[in-house]
Amino acid sequence: MIEDSPRKSRKQLLRWATVVGVAVAIGSLVLVFNSRFGVDPRLVDSPLVGEPVPAIELELLTGDGSLDFTDLKGQVLIVNFWASWCFPCRGEHPALTAVANDYRDRGVSLVGVIYQDRSAEAVDFLDELGWGGDNYHYVQDPGSRAAVEFGVFGVPETYFVDADGIIVGKVQGAVTSGVLRSTLNQILAGELPAP
């Protein structure tokens, strides 16, 4: 049976519309994935760079007691906001614990601030992936008070604080070992990390 011309035109138009729709969808996905995925995180500008670390006291994740950021003055700090439900946080965790171990004797401490997560799930995450050493402090942030003070947009986010208690850098997204180490080496050498 021979199709009539209007019906044939409609089928061709539908095929072209489908092809164009698929191409637009694929193009959109490529743009989204290329914008953040597979790209090394870099230091980014932040209004907090050059400002003192917020004077906040947060309850420790396990055990009794709390941690006051100002009590850590004199140490170089890495402050990392993370959550057990955050997939990129899983990827960056080994780099953070390795850096905590490698820089322990160089006056570097890490503070892992749990972001909008349950304490029990955060503990399970750390039991599974490993806890940092005695210079890696894990704290709770009920009501996201610290996240607001630091201006956190989402997790993971990492802030670098020099020994004078001044925020000198920020990374949005998962950090890599290379970014952590190069930034720490600059800070320990008395240099400001470059974005």
N, C-alpha and C. Protein backbone atom coordinates (compact mmCIF):
# COMPACT_ATOMS: atom_id res chain seq x y z
N MET A 1 0.85 -1.18 0.00
CA MET A 1 0.00 0.00 0.00
C MET A 1 0.90 1.24 0.00
N ILE A 2 0.61 2.17 -0.79
CA ILE A 2 1.38 3.40 -0.91
C ILE A 2 0.79 4.44 0.04
N GLU A 3 1.72 5.03 0.84
CA GLU A 3 1.26 6.05 1.78
C GLU A 3 1.00 7.34 1.04
N ASP A 4 -0.01 8.05 1.52
CA ASP A 4 -0.27 9.34 0.89
C ASP A 4 0.73 10.37 1.40
N SER A 5 0.92 11.40 0.66
CA SER A 5 1.96 12.40 0.91
C SER A 5 1.83 13.09 2.27
N PRO A 6 0.65 13.53 2.72
CA PRO A 6 0.56 14.19 4.03
C PRO A 6 0.96 13.25 5.18
N ARG A 7 0.60 11.97 5.07
CA ARG A 7 0.93 11.02 6.12
C ARG A 7 2.43 10.77 6.15
N LYS A 8 3.05 10.67 4.99
CA LYS A 8 4.49 10.47 4.88
C LYS A 8 5.23 11.68 5.44
N SER A 9 4.75 12.87 5.15
CA SER A 9 5.37 14.10 5.65
C SER A 9 5.29 14.16 7.17
N ARG A 10 4.18 13.74 7.72
CA ARG A 10 4.00 13.75 9.16
C ARG A 10 4.97 12.79 9.84
N LYS A 11 5.17 11.60 9.28
CA LYS A 11 6.12 10.64 9.83
C LYS A 11 7.55 11.18 9.77
N GLN A 12 7.90 11.81 8.66
CA GLN A 12 9.23 12.37 8.53
C GLN A 12 9.44 13.51 9.55
N LEU A 13 8.44 14.33 9.71
CA LEU A 13 8.52 15.42 10.68
C LEU A 13 8.67 14.88 12.10
N LEU A 14 7.92 13.81 12.42
CA LEU A 14 8.01 13.19 13.73
C LEU A 14 9.42 12.61 13.96
N ARG A 15 9.99 11.96 12.95
CA ARG A 15 11.34 11.42 13.06
C ARG A 15 12.36 12.53 13.31
N TRP A 16 12.27 13.59 12.55
CA TRP A 16 13.19 14.71 12.73
C TRP A 16 13.04 15.35 14.11
N ALA A 17 11.81 15.49 14.55
CA ALA A 17 11.57 16.07 15.87
C ALA A 17 12.18 15.18 16.96
N THR A 18 12.06 13.88 16.79
CA THR A 18 12.65 12.94 17.74
C THR A 18 14.17 13.05 17.74
N VAL A 19 14.77 13.09 16.57
CA VAL A 19 16.22 13.20 16.45
C VAL A 19 16.70 14.51 17.09
N VAL A 20 16.03 15.61 16.81
CA VAL A 20 16.41 16.90 17.37
C VAL A 20 16.24 16.88 18.90
N GLY A 21 15.15 16.30 19.39
CA GLY A 21 14.93 16.21 20.83
C GLY A 21 16.00 15.41 21.54
N VAL A 22 16.38 14.28 20.97
CA VAL A 22 17.44 13.45 21.55
C VAL A 22 18.77 14.21 21.53
N ALA A 23 19.06 14.89 20.43
CA ALA A 23 20.31 15.66 20.31
C ALA A 23 20.36 16.76 21.37
N VAL A 24 19.25 17.46 21.57
CA VAL A 24 19.20 18.52 22.58
C VAL A 24 19.40 17.93 23.98
N ALA A 25 18.76 16.79 24.25
CA ALA A 25 18.90 16.15 25.57
C ALA A 25 20.34 15.72 25.81
N ILE A 26 20.97 15.11 24.82
CA ILE A 26 22.36 14.67 24.95
C ILE A 26 23.28 15.88 25.13
N GLY A 27 23.05 16.92 24.36
CA GLY A 27 23.85 18.14 24.48
C GLY A 27 23.73 18.75 25.86
N SER A 28 22.53 18.76 26.41
CA SER A 28 22.32 19.30 27.76
C SER A 28 23.06 18.48 28.80
N LEU A 29 22.99 17.15 28.69
CA LEU A 29 23.70 16.29 29.62
C LEU A 29 25.21 16.50 29.53
N VAL A 30 25.72 16.64 28.33
CA VAL A 30 27.16 16.87 28.15
C VAL A 30 27.56 18.16 28.84
N LEU A 31 26.77 19.22 28.69
CA LEU A 31 27.08 20.49 29.35
C LEU A 31 27.08 20.35 30.86
N VAL A 32 26.08 19.66 31.40
CA VAL A 32 25.98 19.49 32.85
C VAL A 32 27.17 18.70 33.37
N PHE A 33 27.47 17.57 32.74
CA PHE A 33 28.58 16.74 33.23
C PHE A 33 29.92 17.42 33.05
N ASN A 34 30.10 18.17 31.99
CA ASN A 34 31.37 18.85 31.78
C ASN A 34 31.56 20.05 32.69
N SER A 35 30.47 20.57 33.23
CA SER A 35 30.59 21.75 34.07
C SER A 35 31.24 21.45 35.41
N ARG A 36 31.03 20.28 36.03
CA ARG A 36 31.62 19.98 37.34
C ARG A 36 32.24 18.59 37.42
N PHE A 37 31.63 17.61 36.77
CA PHE A 37 32.10 16.25 36.92
C PHE A 37 33.40 16.04 36.15
N GLY A 38 34.33 15.36 36.78
CA GLY A 38 35.58 15.04 36.13
C GLY A 38 36.57 16.19 36.11
N VAL A 39 36.23 17.30 36.75
CA VAL A 39 37.11 18.46 36.78
C VAL A 39 37.69 18.58 38.18
N ASP A 40 38.99 18.77 38.27
CA ASP A 40 39.59 18.95 39.58
C ASP A 40 39.00 20.18 40.24
N PRO A 41 38.68 20.06 41.53
CA PRO A 41 38.20 21.25 42.23
C PRO A 41 39.33 22.26 42.35
N ARG A 42 38.98 23.49 42.39
CA ARG A 42 39.98 24.55 42.50
C ARG A 42 39.56 25.51 43.62
N LEU A 43 40.55 26.21 44.10
CA LEU A 43 40.23 27.25 45.06
C LEU A 43 39.34 28.26 44.38
N VAL A 44 38.32 28.70 45.07
CA VAL A 44 37.38 29.67 44.51
C VAL A 44 37.36 30.91 45.38
N ASP A 45 36.91 31.98 44.79
CA ASP A 45 36.77 33.22 45.56
C ASP A 45 35.63 33.05 46.58
N SER A 46 35.80 33.68 47.71
CA SER A 46 34.78 33.67 48.74
C SER A 46 34.89 34.97 49.52
N PRO A 47 33.77 35.55 49.92
CA PRO A 47 33.84 36.76 50.74
C PRO A 47 34.50 36.52 52.09
N LEU A 48 34.61 35.26 52.51
CA LEU A 48 35.23 34.95 53.79
C LEU A 48 36.75 34.91 53.74
N VAL A 49 37.32 34.80 52.52
CA VAL A 49 38.77 34.77 52.42
C VAL A 49 39.31 36.11 52.93
N GLY A 50 40.25 36.01 53.86
CA GLY A 50 40.81 37.21 54.50
C GLY A 50 40.14 37.54 55.81
N GLU A 51 39.08 36.83 56.15
CA GLU A 51 38.34 37.06 57.39
C GLU A 51 38.73 36.02 58.45
N PRO A 52 38.58 36.37 59.73
CA PRO A 52 38.85 35.38 60.78
C PRO A 52 37.86 34.22 60.72
N VAL A 53 38.33 33.05 61.11
CA VAL A 53 37.44 31.90 61.17
C VAL A 53 36.32 32.23 62.17
N PRO A 54 35.07 31.90 61.87
CA PRO A 54 33.99 32.20 62.80
C PRO A 54 34.23 31.58 64.18
N ALA A 55 33.93 32.33 65.21
CA ALA A 55 34.08 31.85 66.59
C ALA A 55 32.86 31.02 66.94
N ILE A 56 32.95 29.75 66.66
CA ILE A 56 31.83 28.83 66.87
C ILE A 56 32.31 27.67 67.71
N GLU A 57 31.46 27.24 68.63
CA GLU A 57 31.74 26.05 69.42
C GLU A 57 30.72 24.99 69.04
N LEU A 58 31.21 23.82 68.63
CA LEU A 58 30.33 22.74 68.18
C LEU A 58 30.60 21.47 68.98
N GLU A 59 29.54 20.71 69.20
CA GLU A 59 29.64 19.46 69.95
C GLU A 59 30.35 18.40 69.12
N LEU A 60 31.24 17.66 69.78
CA LEU A 60 31.94 16.57 69.10
C LEU A 60 30.95 15.50 68.66
N LEU A 61 31.27 14.82 67.57
CA LEU A 61 30.40 13.76 67.05
C LEU A 61 30.29 12.61 68.04
N THR A 62 31.41 12.22 68.61
CA THR A 62 31.40 11.11 69.57
C THR A 62 32.03 11.59 70.87
N GLY A 63 31.60 11.01 71.95
CA GLY A 63 32.14 11.37 73.26
C GLY A 63 31.56 12.68 73.75
N ASP A 64 32.02 13.07 74.91
CA ASP A 64 31.59 14.33 75.51
C ASP A 64 32.52 15.44 75.07
N GLY A 65 32.02 16.63 75.12
CA GLY A 65 32.86 17.78 74.84
C GLY A 65 32.49 18.48 73.56
N SER A 66 33.22 19.55 73.34
CA SER A 66 32.96 20.38 72.18
C SER A 66 34.29 20.89 71.63
N LEU A 67 34.20 21.50 70.48
CA LEU A 67 35.37 22.07 69.83
C LEU A 67 35.08 23.52 69.49
N ASP A 68 35.95 24.40 69.91
CA ASP A 68 35.84 25.82 69.60
C ASP A 68 36.91 26.14 68.56
N PHE A 69 36.51 26.68 67.42
CA PHE A 69 37.45 26.97 66.35
C PHE A 69 38.58 27.90 66.83
N THR A 70 38.27 28.82 67.71
CA THR A 70 39.30 29.76 68.16
C THR A 70 40.35 29.07 69.04
N ASP A 71 40.00 27.92 69.64
CA ASP A 71 40.97 27.16 70.43
C ASP A 71 42.05 26.53 69.55
N LEU A 72 41.80 26.45 68.26
CA LEU A 72 42.74 25.83 67.33
C LEU A 72 43.67 26.86 66.68
N LYS A 73 43.58 28.12 67.14
CA LYS A 73 44.47 29.16 66.59
C LYS A 73 45.91 28.74 66.86
N GLY A 74 46.74 28.98 65.88
CA GLY A 74 48.13 28.53 65.96
C GLY A 74 48.37 27.29 65.12
N GLN A 75 47.28 26.65 64.70
CA GLN A 75 47.37 25.50 63.81
C GLN A 75 46.80 25.88 62.45
N VAL A 76 47.29 25.26 61.41
CA VAL A 76 46.68 25.40 60.09
C VAL A 76 45.50 24.44 60.07
N LEU A 77 44.35 24.94 59.64
CA LEU A 77 43.13 24.12 59.66
C LEU A 77 42.61 23.85 58.26
N ILE A 78 42.07 22.66 58.11
CA ILE A 78 41.22 22.34 56.97
C ILE A 78 39.85 22.07 57.59
N VAL A 79 38.86 22.86 57.21
CA VAL A 79 37.50 22.69 57.71
C VAL A 79 36.67 22.16 56.55
N ASN A 80 36.20 20.92 56.70
CA ASN A 80 35.48 20.24 55.63
C ASN A 80 34.04 19.97 56.04
N PHE A 81 33.10 20.48 55.26
CA PHE A 81 31.67 20.22 55.49
C PHE A 81 31.29 19.00 54.64
N TRP A 82 30.69 18.00 55.28
CA TRP A 82 30.40 16.74 54.60
C TRP A 82 29.14 16.10 55.18
N ALA A 83 28.68 15.04 54.52
CA ALA A 83 27.51 14.28 54.99
C ALA A 83 27.63 12.84 54.51
N SER A 84 27.03 11.93 55.25
CA SER A 84 27.08 10.51 54.89
C SER A 84 26.30 10.23 53.60
N TRP A 85 25.31 11.05 53.29
CA TRP A 85 24.49 10.84 52.10
C TRP A 85 25.12 11.46 50.85
N CYS A 86 26.24 12.13 51.01
CA CYS A 86 26.89 12.87 49.92
C CYS A 86 27.88 11.95 49.19
N PHE A 87 27.57 11.61 47.94
CA PHE A 87 28.43 10.71 47.16
C PHE A 87 29.84 11.29 46.95
N PRO A 88 30.00 12.57 46.55
CA PRO A 88 31.36 13.10 46.40
C PRO A 88 32.16 13.11 47.71
N CYS A 89 31.46 13.16 48.85
CA CYS A 89 32.15 13.12 50.15
C CYS A 89 32.85 11.78 50.34
N ARG A 90 32.26 10.72 49.81
CA ARG A 90 32.90 9.40 49.89
C ARG A 90 34.20 9.40 49.10
N GLY A 91 34.17 10.04 47.94
CA GLY A 91 35.34 10.06 47.08
C GLY A 91 36.50 10.85 47.65
N GLU A 92 36.21 11.94 48.36
CA GLU A 92 37.28 12.78 48.90
C GLU A 92 37.79 12.31 50.26
N HIS A 93 37.04 11.47 50.93
CA HIS A 93 37.38 11.07 52.30
C HIS A 93 38.79 10.46 52.43
N PRO A 94 39.20 9.53 51.56
CA PRO A 94 40.56 8.98 51.70
C PRO A 94 41.66 10.06 51.59
N ALA A 95 41.47 11.05 50.74
CA ALA A 95 42.46 12.12 50.60
C ALA A 95 42.54 12.93 51.89
N LEU A 96 41.40 13.21 52.50
CA LEU A 96 41.39 13.99 53.75
C LEU A 96 42.06 13.24 54.89
N THR A 97 41.76 11.95 55.04
CA THR A 97 42.37 11.20 56.14
C THR A 97 43.87 11.00 55.90
N ALA A 98 44.28 10.82 54.65
CA ALA A 98 45.71 10.67 54.35
C ALA A 98 46.47 11.97 54.66
N VAL A 99 45.89 13.10 54.29
CA VAL A 99 46.52 14.39 54.57
C VAL A 99 46.59 14.63 56.08
N ALA A 100 45.54 14.26 56.80
CA ALA A 100 45.57 14.41 58.26
C ALA A 100 46.74 13.63 58.84
N ASN A 101 46.94 12.42 58.37
CA ASN A 101 48.04 11.58 58.85
C ASN A 101 49.40 12.15 58.44
N ASP A 102 49.53 12.53 57.17
CA ASP A 102 50.82 12.99 56.65
C ASP A 102 51.26 14.34 57.21
N TYR A 103 50.31 15.19 57.59
CA TYR A 103 50.65 16.54 58.07
C TYR A 103 50.47 16.68 59.58
N ARG A 104 50.25 15.59 60.27
CA ARG A 104 50.01 15.60 61.73
C ARG A 104 51.11 16.34 62.47
N ASP A 105 52.36 16.09 62.12
CA ASP A 105 53.49 16.68 62.84
C ASP A 105 53.90 18.04 62.29
N ARG A 106 53.09 18.61 61.42
CA ARG A 106 53.43 19.91 60.83
C ARG A 106 52.47 21.01 61.28
N GLY A 107 51.71 20.75 62.35
CA GLY A 107 50.81 21.76 62.89
C GLY A 107 49.52 21.92 62.11
N VAL A 108 49.07 20.83 61.48
CA VAL A 108 47.83 20.87 60.69
C VAL A 108 46.77 20.02 61.38
N SER A 109 45.58 20.58 61.51
CA SER A 109 44.42 19.86 62.04
C SER A 109 43.28 19.95 61.04
N LEU A 110 42.43 18.94 61.07
CA LEU A 110 41.24 18.94 60.22
C LEU A 110 40.01 18.93 61.11
N VAL A 111 38.96 19.61 60.65
CA VAL A 111 37.68 19.60 61.33
C VAL A 111 36.64 19.18 60.31
N GLY A 112 36.02 18.04 60.57
CA GLY A 112 34.94 17.55 59.71
C GLY A 112 33.61 17.97 60.31
N VAL A 113 32.91 18.87 59.64
CA VAL A 113 31.63 19.38 60.14
C VAL A 113 30.51 18.64 59.41
N ILE A 114 29.70 17.94 60.17
CA ILE A 114 28.61 17.17 59.59
C ILE A 114 27.49 18.13 59.18
N TYR A 115 27.08 18.01 57.93
CA TYR A 115 26.12 18.94 57.34
C TYR A 115 24.78 18.24 57.11
N GLN A 116 23.74 18.68 57.82
CA GLN A 116 22.38 18.19 57.65
C GLN A 116 22.33 16.66 57.56
N ASP A 117 22.86 16.03 58.59
CA ASP A 117 22.95 14.58 58.63
C ASP A 117 22.70 14.11 60.05
N ARG A 118 22.40 12.83 60.19
CA ARG A 118 22.21 12.24 61.51
C ARG A 118 23.55 11.75 62.04
N SER A 119 23.76 11.91 63.31
CA SER A 119 25.02 11.51 63.94
C SER A 119 25.31 10.03 63.73
N ALA A 120 24.29 9.18 63.90
CA ALA A 120 24.50 7.74 63.76
C ALA A 120 24.94 7.38 62.35
N GLU A 121 24.38 8.05 61.36
CA GLU A 121 24.76 7.75 59.97
C GLU A 121 26.16 8.27 59.66
N ALA A 122 26.54 9.40 60.27
CA ALA A 122 27.89 9.92 60.10
C ALA A 122 28.91 8.96 60.72
N VAL A 123 28.59 8.42 61.90
CA VAL A 123 29.46 7.45 62.55
C VAL A 123 29.59 6.19 61.69
N ASP A 124 28.48 5.72 61.12
CA ASP A 124 28.53 4.55 60.24
C ASP A 124 29.43 4.81 59.03
N PHE A 125 29.33 5.99 58.46
CA PHE A 125 30.17 6.40 57.33
C PHE A 125 31.65 6.30 57.71
N LEU A 126 32.00 6.86 58.87
CA LEU A 126 33.39 6.86 59.32
C LEU A 126 33.86 5.46 59.71
N ASP A 127 32.97 4.65 60.30
CA ASP A 127 33.32 3.26 60.62
C ASP A 127 33.64 2.49 59.33
N GLU A 128 32.88 2.77 58.28
CA GLU A 128 33.08 2.09 57.00
C GLU A 128 34.33 2.57 56.27
N LEU A 129 34.52 3.89 56.19
CA LEU A 129 35.60 4.45 55.36
C LEU A 129 36.86 4.82 56.12
N GLY A 130 36.77 4.86 57.43
CA GLY A 130 37.94 5.15 58.25
C GLY A 130 37.88 6.51 58.91
N TRP A 131 38.33 6.55 60.14
CA TRP A 131 38.40 7.77 60.92
C TRP A 131 39.77 8.39 60.73
N GLY A 132 39.84 9.69 60.81
CA GLY A 132 41.13 10.37 60.79
C GLY A 132 41.82 10.19 62.13
N GLY A 133 43.04 10.62 62.24
CA GLY A 133 43.80 10.47 63.47
C GLY A 133 43.40 11.48 64.53
N ASP A 134 44.27 11.66 65.52
CA ASP A 134 43.96 12.54 66.65
C ASP A 134 43.92 14.01 66.27
N ASN A 135 44.38 14.36 65.09
CA ASN A 135 44.30 15.75 64.63
C ASN A 135 43.14 15.97 63.67
N TYR A 136 42.23 14.99 63.60
CA TYR A 136 41.04 15.10 62.75
C TYR A 136 39.83 15.07 63.69
N HIS A 137 39.19 16.22 63.85
CA HIS A 137 38.07 16.37 64.78
C HIS A 137 36.76 16.34 64.00
N TYR A 138 35.79 15.56 64.47
CA TYR A 138 34.48 15.50 63.82
C TYR A 138 33.45 16.14 64.74
N VAL A 139 32.70 17.10 64.20
CA VAL A 139 31.74 17.84 65.00
C VAL A 139 30.37 17.85 64.34
N GLN A 140 29.37 18.05 65.17
CA GLN A 140 27.99 18.15 64.70
C GLN A 140 27.64 19.63 64.52
N ASP A 141 26.69 19.88 63.63
CA ASP A 141 26.27 21.26 63.37
C ASP A 141 24.74 21.34 63.36
N PRO A 142 24.12 21.14 64.54
CA PRO A 142 22.66 21.19 64.57
C PRO A 142 22.16 22.58 64.17
N GLY A 143 21.16 22.59 63.34
CA GLY A 143 20.60 23.86 62.88
C GLY A 143 21.48 24.55 61.83
N SER A 144 22.55 23.87 61.41
CA SER A 144 23.45 24.39 60.37
C SER A 144 24.04 25.76 60.70
N ARG A 145 24.25 26.02 61.98
CA ARG A 145 24.80 27.31 62.40
C ARG A 145 26.18 27.57 61.80
N ALA A 146 27.06 26.57 61.86
CA ALA A 146 28.40 26.74 61.30
C ALA A 146 28.33 26.87 59.78
N ALA A 147 27.47 26.10 59.16
CA ALA A 147 27.32 26.18 57.70
C ALA A 147 26.90 27.58 57.27
N VAL A 148 26.02 28.20 58.02
CA VAL A 148 25.59 29.57 57.71
C VAL A 148 26.75 30.55 57.93
N GLU A 149 27.46 30.39 59.04
CA GLU A 149 28.59 31.29 59.33
C GLU A 149 29.68 31.20 58.26
N PHE A 150 29.91 30.00 57.74
CA PHE A 150 30.92 29.81 56.71
C PHE A 150 30.39 30.11 55.30
N GLY A 151 29.07 30.22 55.16
CA GLY A 151 28.50 30.50 53.84
C GLY A 151 28.49 29.28 52.94
N VAL A 152 28.23 28.12 53.52
CA VAL A 152 28.23 26.87 52.75
C VAL A 152 27.03 26.83 51.80
N PHE A 153 27.31 26.48 50.54
CA PHE A 153 26.25 26.33 49.53
C PHE A 153 25.76 24.89 49.47
N GLY A 154 26.61 23.94 49.75
CA GLY A 154 26.29 22.52 49.69
C GLY A 154 27.55 21.73 49.99
N VAL A 155 27.40 20.43 50.11
CA VAL A 155 28.56 19.61 50.44
C VAL A 155 29.03 18.82 49.24
N PRO A 156 30.30 18.53 49.20
CA PRO A 156 31.33 18.95 50.15
C PRO A 156 31.85 20.35 49.84
N GLU A 157 32.28 21.03 50.88
CA GLU A 157 32.99 22.30 50.78
C GLU A 157 34.12 22.29 51.81
N THR A 158 35.24 22.85 51.42
CA THR A 158 36.43 22.82 52.27
C THR A 158 37.03 24.20 52.37
N TYR A 159 37.37 24.59 53.60
CA TYR A 159 37.98 25.88 53.87
C TYR A 159 39.37 25.67 54.45
N PHE A 160 40.30 26.53 54.08
CA PHE A 160 41.66 26.51 54.61
C PHE A 160 41.85 27.72 55.50
N VAL A 161 42.40 27.49 56.69
CA VAL A 161 42.59 28.55 57.68
C VAL A 161 44.07 28.55 58.07
N ASP A 162 44.69 29.71 58.05
CA ASP A 162 46.12 29.77 58.41
C ASP A 162 46.28 29.75 59.93
N ALA A 163 47.53 29.72 60.39
CA ALA A 163 47.82 29.61 61.82
C ALA A 163 47.37 30.83 62.62
N ASP A 164 47.11 31.95 61.94
CA ASP A 164 46.61 33.15 62.62
C ASP A 164 45.08 33.14 62.73
N GLY A 165 44.44 32.08 62.24
CA GLY A 165 42.98 31.99 62.32
C GLY A 165 42.27 32.72 61.20
N ILE A 166 42.94 32.98 60.08
CA ILE A 166 42.35 33.69 58.95
C ILE A 166 42.03 32.70 57.84
N ILE A 167 40.83 32.78 57.31
CA ILE A 167 40.44 31.92 56.18
C ILE A 167 41.21 32.40 54.95
N VAL A 168 41.95 31.48 54.34
CA VAL A 168 42.79 31.85 53.19
C VAL A 168 42.41 31.14 51.91
N GLY A 169 41.45 30.21 51.95
CA GLY A 169 41.05 29.52 50.74
C GLY A 169 39.80 28.70 50.94
N LYS A 170 39.15 28.42 49.82
CA LYS A 170 37.91 27.63 49.83
C LYS A 170 37.86 26.80 48.56
N VAL A 171 37.39 25.55 48.70
CA VAL A 171 37.14 24.68 47.56
C VAL A 171 35.69 24.25 47.61
N GLN A 172 34.98 24.45 46.52
CA GLN A 172 33.62 23.94 46.37
C GLN A 172 33.72 22.62 45.63
N GLY A 173 33.06 21.61 46.16
CA GLY A 173 33.14 20.29 45.54
C GLY A 173 34.18 19.44 46.24
N ALA A 174 34.29 18.21 45.79
CA ALA A 174 35.22 17.27 46.40
C ALA A 174 36.66 17.71 46.17
N VAL A 175 37.46 17.64 47.22
CA VAL A 175 38.87 17.99 47.10
C VAL A 175 39.68 16.76 46.73
N THR A 176 40.79 16.99 46.07
CA THR A 176 41.71 15.91 45.74
C THR A 176 42.94 16.01 46.62
N SER A 177 43.70 14.95 46.66
CA SER A 177 44.93 14.96 47.42
C SER A 177 45.88 16.05 46.92
N GLY A 178 45.96 16.21 45.61
CA GLY A 178 46.84 17.23 45.04
C GLY A 178 46.47 18.63 45.47
N VAL A 179 45.18 18.95 45.44
CA VAL A 179 44.73 20.28 45.85
C VAL A 179 44.99 20.50 47.34
N LEU A 180 44.69 19.49 48.15
CA LEU A 180 44.93 19.61 49.60
C LEU A 180 46.40 19.85 49.89
N ARG A 181 47.25 19.04 49.30
CA ARG A 181 48.69 19.11 49.60
C ARG A 181 49.32 20.40 49.07
N SER A 182 48.98 20.78 47.85
CA SER A 182 49.60 22.00 47.30
C SER A 182 49.14 23.23 48.08
N THR A 183 47.87 23.26 48.48
CA THR A 183 47.36 24.39 49.25
C THR A 183 48.01 24.43 50.63
N LEU A 184 48.08 23.28 51.29
CA LEU A 184 48.73 23.24 52.61
C LEU A 184 50.19 23.65 52.53
N ASN A 185 50.90 23.17 51.52
CA ASN A 185 52.31 23.52 51.37
C ASN A 185 52.50 25.03 51.19
N GLN A 186 51.60 25.66 50.44
CA GLN A 186 51.67 27.11 50.27
C GLN A 186 51.43 27.82 51.60
N ILE A 187 50.40 27.39 52.32
CA ILE A 187 50.09 28.02 53.61
C ILE A 187 51.23 27.84 54.60
N LEU A 188 51.78 26.62 54.68
CA LEU A 188 52.87 26.35 55.61
C LEU A 188 54.14 27.12 55.25
N ALA A 189 54.28 27.48 53.96
CA ALA A 189 55.43 28.26 53.51
C ALA A 189 55.19 29.76 53.70
N GLY A 190 54.03 30.12 54.25
CA GLY A 190 53.72 31.53 54.48
C GLY A 190 53.16 32.24 53.27
N GLU A 191 52.75 31.48 52.26
CA GLU A 191 52.20 32.06 51.04
C GLU A 191 50.69 31.94 51.06
N LEU A 192 50.03 32.84 50.32
CA LEU A 192 48.59 32.72 50.15
C LEU A 192 48.30 31.79 48.99
N PRO A 193 47.38 30.83 49.18
CA PRO A 193 47.06 29.94 48.07
C PRO A 193 46.39 30.72 46.94
N ALA A 194 46.73 30.38 45.72
CA ALA A 194 46.18 31.07 44.55
C ALA A 194 44.98 30.31 44.02
N PRO A 195 43.87 31.04 43.74
CA PRO A 195 42.70 30.37 43.14
C PRO A 195 42.98 29.95 41.71
